[in-house]
Structure formats: structure tokens, C-alpha cells
Protein backbone atom coordinates (compact mmCIF):
# COMPACT_ATOMS: atom_id res chain seq x y z
CA MET A 1 155.00 121.95 63.44
CA THR A 2 156.71 118.68 62.49
CA ILE A 3 154.72 116.08 60.59
CA ARG A 4 155.71 112.44 61.02
CA CYS A 5 154.33 109.17 59.74
CA TRP A 6 153.21 106.96 62.61
CA GLY A 7 151.42 103.63 62.62
CA ILE A 8 148.01 103.15 64.15
CA ARG A 9 147.05 99.57 64.99
CA GLY A 10 143.66 98.05 65.41
CA ALA A 11 141.99 94.66 65.47
CA THR A 12 138.56 93.14 65.70
CA THR A 13 136.81 89.88 65.01
CA ALA A 14 134.07 89.05 62.52
CA GLU A 15 131.02 87.05 63.53
CA ALA A 16 131.43 84.71 60.53
CA ASN A 17 133.24 84.27 57.24
CA THR A 18 130.67 86.24 55.26
CA ARG A 19 130.99 89.40 53.20
CA GLU A 20 128.57 91.23 55.47
CA ALA A 21 130.27 90.18 58.72
CA ILE A 22 133.75 91.14 57.48
CA LEU A 23 132.65 94.55 56.22
CA GLU A 24 130.57 95.29 59.33
CA ALA A 25 133.41 94.45 61.72
CA THR A 26 135.95 96.39 59.66
CA ASN A 27 133.66 99.41 59.35
CA GLU A 28 133.12 99.48 63.11
CA LEU A 29 136.86 99.29 63.75
CA LEU A 30 137.69 102.04 61.25
CA LEU A 31 135.01 104.37 62.58
CA LEU A 32 136.42 103.97 66.10
CA LEU A 33 139.98 104.65 64.85
CA ILE A 34 138.75 107.74 62.99
CA GLU A 35 136.89 109.06 66.02
CA ALA A 36 139.63 108.30 68.56
CA ASN A 37 142.41 109.89 66.49
CA ASP A 38 140.52 112.53 64.46
CA LEU A 39 141.71 110.90 61.24
CA GLN A 40 141.26 112.58 57.87
CA SER A 41 141.69 110.37 54.82
CA SER A 42 143.94 113.02 53.25
CA ASP A 43 146.47 112.44 56.07
CA ILE A 44 146.58 108.66 55.63
CA GLY A 45 149.48 107.40 53.54
CA SER A 46 148.39 103.76 53.38
CA ALA A 47 146.70 100.97 55.28
CA ILE A 48 147.45 97.28 55.48
CA PHE A 49 144.60 94.94 56.38
CA THR A 50 145.16 91.32 57.34
CA THR A 51 142.78 88.55 58.22
CA THR A 52 143.28 85.16 59.72
CA PRO A 53 143.15 82.44 57.04
CA ASP A 54 139.58 81.53 58.03
CA LEU A 55 138.31 84.88 56.66
CA ASN A 56 138.25 85.00 52.87
CA ALA A 57 134.70 86.01 51.89
CA GLU A 58 135.64 89.68 51.27
CA PHE A 59 138.49 92.18 51.31
CA PRO A 60 138.32 94.30 54.50
CA ALA A 61 139.72 97.27 52.54
CA ILE A 62 136.34 97.66 50.86
CA ALA A 63 135.04 99.08 54.16
CA ALA A 64 137.71 101.79 53.97
CA ARG A 65 136.73 102.66 50.40
CA ARG A 66 133.12 102.97 51.52
CA LEU A 67 134.27 105.51 54.14
CA GLY A 68 135.83 107.67 51.43
CA TRP A 69 139.43 106.45 51.51
CA HIS A 70 139.54 106.60 47.70
CA ASP A 71 143.07 108.01 47.35
CA VAL A 72 144.62 105.94 50.14
CA ALA A 73 146.85 103.02 49.16
CA LEU A 74 145.23 99.89 50.62
CA VAL A 75 146.30 96.25 50.60
CA CYS A 76 144.91 93.07 52.15
CA GLY A 77 146.64 89.85 53.12
CA HIS A 78 146.45 86.89 55.47
CA GLU A 79 148.12 86.57 58.84
CA MET A 80 150.40 83.64 59.52
CA SER A 81 148.54 80.46 60.41
CA VAL A 82 149.77 80.04 63.98
CA PRO A 83 148.31 77.19 66.05
CA GLY A 84 145.98 78.54 68.73
CA ALA A 85 145.74 82.02 67.18
CA LEU A 86 142.56 84.06 67.55
CA PRO A 87 140.14 82.99 64.79
CA LEU A 88 138.08 85.28 62.54
CA CYS A 89 140.42 88.19 63.26
CA ILE A 90 140.83 91.35 61.16
CA ARG A 91 143.84 93.57 61.79
CA VAL A 92 144.81 96.94 60.36
CA LEU A 93 147.96 99.04 60.33
CA VAL A 94 147.30 102.62 59.21
CA HIS A 95 150.26 104.81 58.22
CA TRP A 96 149.23 108.28 59.36
CA ASN A 97 150.93 111.63 58.69
CA THR A 98 150.39 113.73 61.81
CA SER A 99 151.92 116.25 64.15
CA LYS A 100 150.85 114.15 67.15
CA THR A 101 153.40 112.18 69.14
CA GLN A 102 153.35 108.39 69.30
CA SER A 103 152.04 108.52 72.86
CA GLU A 104 149.00 110.52 71.67
CA ILE A 105 147.93 107.87 69.16
CA LYS A 106 145.01 105.67 70.20
CA HIS A 107 145.16 102.08 68.98
CA ILE A 108 141.84 100.22 69.03
CA TYR A 109 141.22 96.56 69.87
CA ILE A 110 137.58 95.47 70.07
CA ARG A 111 135.34 92.41 70.14
CA GLY A 112 137.30 89.16 70.44
CA ALA A 113 140.53 91.01 69.65
CA LYS A 114 140.44 92.69 73.08
CA ASN A 115 142.49 89.74 74.32
CA LEU A 116 145.32 90.56 71.89
CA ARG A 117 146.03 93.87 73.63
CA PRO A 118 143.98 94.21 76.81
CA ASP A 119 145.85 97.43 77.59
CA ARG A 120 144.44 98.99 74.41
CA SER A 121 141.00 97.46 74.25
CA ILE A 122 137.79 99.45 74.47
CA SER A 123 134.19 98.51 75.18
CA VAL A 124 131.72 99.01 72.37
CA THR A 125 128.02 99.07 73.12
């Protein structure tokens, strides 16, 4: 069995620039990524979280720590400020050590971020 490091992408939007809204949206996104890909924190090398510049009330990585990602290297940053870009957006890139192929990886785009990748969006009830 060959283990490779692949990237898993995901994005969502927060309801507002508040600590609670950022953590709630990020938690929902991470739980869906975990469920869809059967992620174990011990297999995650690192994760990069970005937000649009209008989100600065909290670090989205805190949601990952709350899920037990204590030994995972995490970093947060801001996306480029591009005119017309989706506001209140949280993105994540997870570096995952797995025996799965790239085509088996499920990327998750929810809430307002569905429009970023309609081919990879899911409905959340």
C-alpha cells in the first residue's frame, strides 16, 4: 500500500464577522470533510485556512483544535482582496496522508461557497 500526501479543499461562508459565526461555519465544513473522507487527525500533515478580508473576528483553525487536531500544523491567513469576490468566505486546504487516489478524495463546498465549485458542492440540511 502506497501512502501519498494529497490536498483536500473545502469552502463555506460565515453568516457574519463574529467569533461564533466563523467557528460554527468552519466546524460544519470540517465535520463534512471528516465524514466524506474518513479523516483521522493522525493522518493529517497540516491545514491552511484562509478567510476573505471581511472575516477577522476569529481564527478558523480554532474549530479544528476543538475537533482534536492538536498535533496538526495549522495556519490561518487572508485571501487576496479581489473585486467581486465572494464575501465572508472561509477556505481550507488539508494535506492528507492516505492510500486513496486523488479521484477518491471528496472536496466540500457548502453554503454560499457552492458557487465557487458547483461541481463539488453539497446540500446541507
